[in-house]
Amino acid sequence: MKVPLFTVAAALLMLGASSTANAKGCIKGAVVGGVAGHYAGHHGVLGAAAGCLYGRHHAKEQERQRQQQGQVNGQGKL
């Protein structure tokens, strides 16, 4: 049974809309990973899951860098 890519993307969007704080980076990574997985041997769902994990990891790293940069400049969040 093959699941169309747009079905997976729609499901991820619905899941991401319920928890925007945890979904940062996940949606974009899932879409890119799903497309790449689809073209790399019809593994769109696996690619979407891996893309979501990578996108979330990348978003956390960027946020950590922004926080460190703000502290160095003396502009920490209040």
PDB file of N, CA and C in Angstrom:
ATOM      1  N   MET A   1       0.842  -1.182   0.000  1.00  0.00           N
ATOM      2  CA  MET A   1       0.000   0.000   0.000  1.00  0.00           C
ATOM      3  C   MET A   1       0.882   1.237   0.000  1.00  0.00           C
ATOM      4  N   LYS A   2       0.719   2.045  -1.010  1.00  0.00           N
ATOM      5  CA  LYS A   2       1.513   3.269  -1.116  1.00  0.00           C
ATOM      6  C   LYS A   2       0.700   4.447  -0.624  1.00  0.00           C
ATOM      7  N   VAL A   3       1.327   5.260   0.200  1.00  0.00           N
ATOM      8  CA  VAL A   3       0.677   6.452   0.739  1.00  0.00           C
ATOM      9  C   VAL A   3       1.177   7.652  -0.059  1.00  0.00           C
ATOM     10  N   PRO A   4       0.281   8.408  -0.683  1.00  0.00           N
ATOM     11  CA  PRO A   4       0.719   9.587  -1.437  1.00  0.00           C
ATOM     12  C   PRO A   4       1.421  10.596  -0.539  1.00  0.00           C
ATOM     13  N   LEU A   5       2.385  11.279  -1.098  1.00  0.00           N
ATOM     14  CA  LEU A   5       3.188  12.247  -0.351  1.00  0.00           C
ATOM     15  C   LEU A   5       2.329  13.349   0.254  1.00  0.00           C
ATOM     16  N   PHE A   6       1.325  13.815  -0.484  1.00  0.00           N
ATOM     17  CA  PHE A   6       0.499  14.891   0.051  1.00  0.00           C
ATOM     18  C   PHE A   6      -0.293  14.436   1.275  1.00  0.00           C
ATOM     19  N   THR A   7      -0.602  13.158   1.382  1.00  0.00           N
ATOM     20  CA  THR A   7      -1.301  12.644   2.561  1.00  0.00           C
ATOM     21  C   THR A   7      -0.393  12.714   3.785  1.00  0.00           C
ATOM     22  N   VAL A   8       0.857  12.328   3.603  1.00  0.00           N
ATOM     23  CA  VAL A   8       1.825  12.388   4.699  1.00  0.00           C
ATOM     24  C   VAL A   8       2.062  13.835   5.109  1.00  0.00           C
ATOM     25  N   ALA A   9       2.209  14.719   4.127  1.00  0.00           N
ATOM     26  CA  ALA A   9       2.442  16.134   4.427  1.00  0.00           C
ATOM     27  C   ALA A   9       1.246  16.738   5.160  1.00  0.00           C
ATOM     28  N   ALA A  10       0.035  16.379   4.749  1.00  0.00           N
ATOM     29  CA  ALA A  10      -1.158  16.901   5.422  1.00  0.00           C
ATOM     30  C   ALA A  10      -1.236  16.411   6.858  1.00  0.00           C
ATOM     31  N   ALA A  11      -0.900  15.156   7.075  1.00  0.00           N
ATOM     32  CA  ALA A  11      -0.919  14.617   8.438  1.00  0.00           C
ATOM     33  C   ALA A  11       0.116  15.313   9.318  1.00  0.00           C
ATOM     34  N   LEU A  12       1.297  15.552   8.774  1.00  0.00           N
ATOM     35  CA  LEU A  12       2.334  16.243   9.545  1.00  0.00           C
ATOM     36  C   LEU A  12       1.945  17.690   9.842  1.00  0.00           C
ATOM     37  N   LEU A  13       1.278  18.335   8.889  1.00  0.00           N
ATOM     38  CA  LEU A  13       0.821  19.703   9.127  1.00  0.00           C
ATOM     39  C   LEU A  13      -0.213  19.746  10.244  1.00  0.00           C
ATOM     40  N   MET A  14      -1.112  18.786  10.269  1.00  0.00           N
ATOM     41  CA  MET A  14      -2.123  18.756  11.330  1.00  0.00           C
ATOM     42  C   MET A  14      -1.474  18.494  12.683  1.00  0.00           C
ATOM     43  N   LEU A  15      -0.501  17.605  12.721  1.00  0.00           N
ATOM     44  CA  LEU A  15       0.188  17.331  13.976  1.00  0.00           C
ATOM     45  C   LEU A  15       1.007  18.536  14.423  1.00  0.00           C
ATOM     46  N   GLY A  16       1.639  19.198  13.474  1.00  0.00           N
ATOM     47  CA  GLY A  16       2.453  20.364  13.792  1.00  0.00           C
ATOM     48  C   GLY A  16       1.621  21.547  14.246  1.00  0.00           C
ATOM     49  N   ALA A  17       0.415  21.681  13.743  1.00  0.00           N
ATOM     50  CA  ALA A  17      -0.440  22.804  14.119  1.00  0.00           C
ATOM     51  C   ALA A  17      -0.887  22.697  15.564  1.00  0.00           C
ATOM     52  N   SER A  18      -0.956  21.500  16.101  1.00  0.00           N
ATOM     53  CA  SER A  18      -1.405  21.341  17.481  1.00  0.00           C
ATOM     54  C   SER A  18      -0.313  21.701  18.483  1.00  0.00           C
ATOM     55  N   SER A  19       0.940  21.618  18.077  1.00  0.00           N
ATOM     56  CA  SER A  19       2.039  21.917  18.980  1.00  0.00           C
ATOM     57  C   SER A  19       3.118  22.678  18.219  1.00  0.00           C
ATOM     58  N   THR A  20       2.925  23.973  18.064  1.00  0.00           N
ATOM     59  CA  THR A  20       3.847  24.755  17.251  1.00  0.00           C
ATOM     60  C   THR A  20       5.222  24.870  17.883  1.00  0.00           C
ATOM     61  N   ALA A  21       5.318  24.837  19.197  1.00  0.00           N
ATOM     62  CA  ALA A  21       6.616  24.968  19.844  1.00  0.00           C
ATOM     63  C   ALA A  21       7.504  23.771  19.531  1.00  0.00           C
ATOM     64  N   ASN A  22       6.947  22.587  19.466  1.00  0.00           N
ATOM     65  CA  ASN A  22       7.728  21.393  19.195  1.00  0.00           C
ATOM     66  C   ASN A  22       7.875  21.108  17.709  1.00  0.00           C
ATOM     67  N   ALA A  23       7.096  21.762  16.874  1.00  0.00           N
ATOM     68  CA  ALA A  23       7.106  21.473  15.448  1.00  0.00           C
ATOM     69  C   ALA A  23       8.045  22.378  14.668  1.00  0.00           C
ATOM     70  N   LYS A  24       8.754  23.268  15.332  1.00  0.00           N
ATOM     71  CA  LYS A  24       9.636  24.190  14.632  1.00  0.00           C
ATOM     72  C   LYS A  24      10.706  23.399  13.881  1.00  0.00           C
ATOM     73  N   GLY A  25      10.733  23.544  12.583  1.00  0.00           N
ATOM     74  CA  GLY A  25      11.702  22.837  11.750  1.00  0.00           C
ATOM     75  C   GLY A  25      11.222  21.489  11.264  1.00  0.00           C
ATOM     76  N   CYS A  26      10.239  20.918  11.905  1.00  0.00           N
ATOM     77  CA  CYS A  26       9.783  19.578  11.570  1.00  0.00           C
ATOM     78  C   CYS A  26       9.043  19.556  10.237  1.00  0.00           C
ATOM     79  N   ILE A  27       8.169  20.499  10.023  1.00  0.00           N
ATOM     80  CA  ILE A  27       7.330  20.483   8.817  1.00  0.00           C
ATOM     81  C   ILE A  27       8.190  20.608   7.563  1.00  0.00           C
ATOM     82  N   LYS A  28       9.063  21.590   7.558  1.00  0.00           N
ATOM     83  CA  LYS A  28       9.912  21.801   6.384  1.00  0.00           C
ATOM     84  C   LYS A  28      10.808  20.587   6.151  1.00  0.00           C
ATOM     85  N   GLY A  29      11.398  20.062   7.204  1.00  0.00           N
ATOM     86  CA  GLY A  29      12.252  18.880   7.074  1.00  0.00           C
ATOM     87  C   GLY A  29      11.485  17.665   6.609  1.00  0.00           C
ATOM     88  N   ALA A  30      10.246  17.521   7.079  1.00  0.00           N
ATOM     89  CA  ALA A  30       9.439  16.369   6.684  1.00  0.00           C
ATOM     90  C   ALA A  30       9.076  16.433   5.214  1.00  0.00           C
ATOM     91  N   VAL A  31       8.742  17.603   4.727  1.00  0.00           N
ATOM     92  CA  VAL A  31       8.390  17.737   3.313  1.00  0.00           C
ATOM     93  C   VAL A  31       9.606  17.427   2.439  1.00  0.00           C
ATOM     94  N   VAL A  32      10.745  18.020   2.775  1.00  0.00           N
ATOM     95  CA  VAL A  32      11.960  17.787   1.990  1.00  0.00           C
ATOM     96  C   VAL A  32      12.378  16.325   2.084  1.00  0.00           C
ATOM     97  N   GLY A  33      12.347  15.758   3.283  1.00  0.00           N
ATOM     98  CA  GLY A  33      12.718  14.353   3.463  1.00  0.00           C
ATOM     99  C   GLY A  33      11.754  13.413   2.772  1.00  0.00           C
ATOM    100  N   GLY A  34      10.474  13.738   2.786  1.00  0.00           N
ATOM    101  CA  GLY A  34       9.484  12.899   2.113  1.00  0.00           C
ATOM    102  C   GLY A  34       9.686  12.862   0.614  1.00  0.00           C
ATOM    103  N   VAL A  35       9.965  14.011   0.031  1.00  0.00           N
ATOM    104  CA  VAL A  35      10.212  14.067  -1.413  1.00  0.00           C
ATOM    105  C   VAL A  35      11.496  13.308  -1.754  1.00  0.00           C
ATOM    106  N   ALA A  36      12.544  13.546  -0.978  1.00  0.00           N
ATOM    107  CA  ALA A  36      13.808  12.849  -1.236  1.00  0.00           C
ATOM    108  C   ALA A  36      13.648  11.337  -1.068  1.00  0.00           C
ATOM    109  N   GLY A  37      12.939  10.915  -0.024  1.00  0.00           N
ATOM    110  CA  GLY A  37      12.709   9.494   0.187  1.00  0.00           C
ATOM    111  C   GLY A  37      11.875   8.868  -0.911  1.00  0.00           C
ATOM    112  N   HIS A  38      10.928   9.614  -1.411  1.00  0.00           N
ATOM    113  CA  HIS A  38      10.087   9.104  -2.495  1.00  0.00           C
ATOM    114  C   HIS A  38      10.907   8.826  -3.751  1.00  0.00           C
ATOM    115  N   TYR A  39      11.790   9.755  -4.084  1.00  0.00           N
ATOM    116  CA  TYR A  39      12.593   9.583  -5.284  1.00  0.00           C
ATOM    117  C   TYR A  39      13.767   8.631  -5.072  1.00  0.00           C
ATOM    118  N   ALA A  40      14.107   8.330  -3.845  1.00  0.00           N
ATOM    119  CA  ALA A  40      15.223   7.435  -3.556  1.00  0.00           C
ATOM    120  C   ALA A  40      14.731   6.031  -3.240  1.00  0.00           C
ATOM    121  N   GLY A  41      13.698   5.592  -3.889  1.00  0.00           N
ATOM    122  CA  GLY A  41      13.266   4.208  -3.710  1.00  0.00           C
ATOM    123  C   GLY A  41      11.906   4.065  -3.081  1.00  0.00           C
ATOM    124  N   HIS A  42      11.038   5.032  -3.241  1.00  0.00           N
ATOM    125  CA  HIS A  42       9.664   4.976  -2.728  1.00  0.00           C
ATOM    126  C   HIS A  42       9.614   4.789  -1.205  1.00  0.00           C
ATOM    127  N   HIS A  43      10.444   5.526  -0.505  1.00  0.00           N
ATOM    128  CA  HIS A  43      10.448   5.513   0.961  1.00  0.00           C
ATOM    129  C   HIS A  43      10.089   6.896   1.483  1.00  0.00           C
ATOM    130  N   GLY A  44       8.972   7.430   1.013  1.00  0.00           N
ATOM    131  CA  GLY A  44       8.561   8.780   1.369  1.00  0.00           C
ATOM    132  C   GLY A  44       8.260   8.955   2.843  1.00  0.00           C
ATOM    133  N   VAL A  45       7.594   7.967   3.449  1.00  0.00           N
ATOM    134  CA  VAL A  45       7.234   8.078   4.863  1.00  0.00           C
ATOM    135  C   VAL A  45       8.483   8.035   5.729  1.00  0.00           C
ATOM    136  N   LEU A  46       9.392   7.134   5.408  1.00  0.00           N
ATOM    137  CA  LEU A  46      10.647   7.045   6.154  1.00  0.00           C
ATOM    138  C   LEU A  46      11.459   8.336   5.993  1.00  0.00           C
ATOM    139  N   GLY A  47      11.491   8.868   4.784  1.00  0.00           N
ATOM    140  CA  GLY A  47      12.199  10.125   4.539  1.00  0.00           C
ATOM    141  C   GLY A  47      11.565  11.286   5.279  1.00  0.00           C
ATOM    142  N   ALA A  48      10.228  11.296   5.347  1.00  0.00           N
ATOM    143  CA  ALA A  48       9.539  12.367   6.070  1.00  0.00           C
ATOM    144  C   ALA A  48       9.848  12.307   7.559  1.00  0.00           C
ATOM    145  N   ALA A  49       9.875  11.118   8.114  1.00  0.00           N
ATOM    146  CA  ALA A  49      10.187  10.968   9.542  1.00  0.00           C
ATOM    147  C   ALA A  49      11.619  11.411   9.834  1.00  0.00           C
ATOM    148  N   ALA A  50      12.547  10.986   8.996  1.00  0.00           N
ATOM    149  CA  ALA A  50      13.944  11.384   9.186  1.00  0.00           C
ATOM    150  C   ALA A  50      14.120  12.886   8.978  1.00  0.00           C
ATOM    151  N   GLY A  51      13.431  13.440   7.987  1.00  0.00           N
ATOM    152  CA  GLY A  51      13.511  14.872   7.742  1.00  0.00           C
ATOM    153  C   GLY A  51      12.963  15.683   8.894  1.00  0.00           C
ATOM    154  N   CYS A  52      11.890  15.198   9.502  1.00  0.00           N
ATOM    155  CA  CYS A  52      11.309  15.872  10.657  1.00  0.00           C
ATOM    156  C   CYS A  52      12.297  15.889  11.814  1.00  0.00           C
ATOM    157  N   LEU A  53      12.917  14.755  12.080  1.00  0.00           N
ATOM    158  CA  LEU A  53      13.899  14.691  13.174  1.00  0.00           C
ATOM    159  C   LEU A  53      15.081  15.618  12.920  1.00  0.00           C
ATOM    160  N   TYR A  54      15.581  15.610  11.685  1.00  0.00           N
ATOM    161  CA  TYR A  54      16.707  16.478  11.374  1.00  0.00           C
ATOM    162  C   TYR A  54      16.316  17.948  11.437  1.00  0.00           C
ATOM    163  N   GLY A  55      15.139  18.273  10.917  1.00  0.00           N
ATOM    164  CA  GLY A  55      14.682  19.665  10.946  1.00  0.00           C
ATOM    165  C   GLY A  55      14.526  20.177  12.363  1.00  0.00           C
ATOM    166  N   ARG A  56      14.001  19.348  13.247  1.00  0.00           N
ATOM    167  CA  ARG A  56      13.840  19.736  14.652  1.00  0.00           C
ATOM    168  C   ARG A  56      15.203  19.944  15.314  1.00  0.00           C
ATOM    169  N   HIS A  57      16.143  19.040  15.034  1.00  0.00           N
ATOM    170  CA  HIS A  57      17.489  19.153  15.587  1.00  0.00           C
ATOM    171  C   HIS A  57      18.156  20.448  15.108  1.00  0.00           C
ATOM    172  N   HIS A  58      18.016  20.741  13.830  1.00  0.00           N
ATOM    173  CA  HIS A  58      18.616  21.948  13.258  1.00  0.00           C
ATOM    174  C   HIS A  58      17.996  23.212  13.868  1.00  0.00           C
ATOM    175  N   ALA A  59      16.690  23.214  14.082  1.00  0.00           N
ATOM    176  CA  ALA A  59      16.021  24.371  14.683  1.00  0.00           C
ATOM    177  C   ALA A  59      16.488  24.593  16.121  1.00  0.00           C
ATOM    178  N   LYS A  60      16.695  23.509  16.864  1.00  0.00           N
ATOM    179  CA  LYS A  60      17.197  23.634  18.241  1.00  0.00           C
ATOM    180  C   LYS A  60      18.600  24.226  18.253  1.00  0.00           C
ATOM    181  N   GLU A  61      19.444  23.770  17.334  1.00  0.00           N
ATOM    182  CA  GLU A  61      20.809  24.294  17.260  1.00  0.00           C
ATOM    183  C   GLU A  61      20.814  25.787  16.929  1.00  0.00           C
ATOM    184  N   GLN A  62      19.975  26.208  15.999  1.00  0.00           N
ATOM    185  CA  GLN A  62      19.894  27.625  15.650  1.00  0.00           C
ATOM    186  C   GLN A  62      19.407  28.450  16.833  1.00  0.00           C
ATOM    187  N   GLU A  63      18.420  27.958  17.558  1.00  0.00           N
ATOM    188  CA  GLU A  63      17.911  28.686  18.724  1.00  0.00           C
ATOM    189  C   GLU A  63      18.981  28.800  19.806  1.00  0.00           C
ATOM    190  N   ARG A  64      19.741  27.741  20.005  1.00  0.00           N
ATOM    191  CA  ARG A  64      20.820  27.767  20.997  1.00  0.00           C
ATOM    192  C   ARG A  64      21.879  28.793  20.601  1.00  0.00           C
ATOM    193  N   GLN A  65      22.205  28.862  19.307  1.00  0.00           N
ATOM    194  CA  GLN A  65      23.191  29.839  18.845  1.00  0.00           C
ATOM    195  C   GLN A  65      22.681  31.266  19.018  1.00  0.00           C
ATOM    196  N   ARG A  66      21.390  31.493  18.753  1.00  0.00           N
ATOM    197  CA  ARG A  66      20.814  32.828  18.942  1.00  0.00           C
ATOM    198  C   ARG A  66      20.873  33.244  20.405  1.00  0.00           C
ATOM    199  N   GLN A  67      20.587  32.317  21.301  1.00  0.00           N
ATOM    200  CA  GLN A  67      20.623  32.643  22.727  1.00  0.00           C
ATOM    201  C   GLN A  67      22.043  32.962  23.176  1.00  0.00           C
ATOM    202  N   GLN A  68      23.015  32.183  22.718  1.00  0.00           N
ATOM    203  CA  GLN A  68      24.407  32.444  23.089  1.00  0.00           C
ATOM    204  C   GLN A  68      24.883  33.776  22.518  1.00  0.00           C
ATOM    205  N   GLN A  69      24.481  34.090  21.315  1.00  0.00           N
ATOM    206  CA  GLN A  69      24.881  35.341  20.686  1.00  0.00           C
ATOM    207  C   GLN A  69      24.254  36.528  21.424  1.00  0.00           C
ATOM    208  N   GLY A  70      23.024  36.376  21.891  1.00  0.00           N
ATOM    209  CA  GLY A  70      22.374  37.440  22.642  1.00  0.00           C
ATOM    210  C   GLY A  70      23.050  37.692  23.974  1.00  0.00           C
ATOM    211  N   GLN A  71      23.546  36.640  24.609  1.00  0.00           N
ATOM    212  CA  GLN A  71      24.230  36.793  25.891  1.00  0.00           C
ATOM    213  C   GLN A  71      25.593  37.445  25.706  1.00  0.00           C
ATOM    214  N   VAL A  72      26.269  37.134  24.610  1.00  0.00           N
ATOM    215  CA  VAL A  72      27.577  37.726  24.332  1.00  0.00           C
ATOM    216  C   VAL A  72      27.440  39.218  24.078  1.00  0.00           C
ATOM    217  N   ASN A  73      26.388  39.604  23.377  1.00  0.00           N
ATOM    218  CA  ASN A  73      26.164  41.018  23.072  1.00  0.00           C
ATOM    219  C   ASN A  73      25.551  41.793  24.238  1.00  0.00           C
ATOM    220  N   GLY A  74      25.234  41.104  25.318  1.00  0.00           N
ATOM    221  CA  GLY A  74      24.624  41.769  26.453  1.00  0.00           C
ATOM    222  C   GLY A  74      23.158  42.053  26.253  1.00  0.00           C
ATOM    223  N   GLN A  75      22.533  41.378  25.346  1.00  0.00           N
ATOM    224  CA  GLN A  75      21.131  41.586  25.052  1.00  0.00           C
ATOM    225  C   GLN A  75      20.326  40.348  25.413  1.00  0.00           C
ATOM    226  N   GLY A  76      20.568  39.815  26.589  1.00  0.00           N
ATOM    227  CA  GLY A  76      19.823  38.635  27.017  1.00  0.00           C
ATOM    228  C   GLY A  76      18.343  38.909  27.161  1.00  0.00           C
ATOM    229  N   LYS A  77      17.549  37.869  27.028  1.00  0.00           N
ATOM    230  CA  LYS A  77      16.091  38.029  27.127  1.00  0.00           C
ATOM    231  C   LYS A  77      15.691  38.275  28.584  1.00  0.00           C
ATOM    232  N   LEU A  78      14.723  39.109  28.758  1.00  0.00           N
ATOM    233  CA  LEU A  78      14.232  39.405  30.099  1.00  0.00           C
ATOM    234  C   LEU A  78      13.055  38.538  30.417  1.00  0.00           C
TER     235      LEU A  78
END
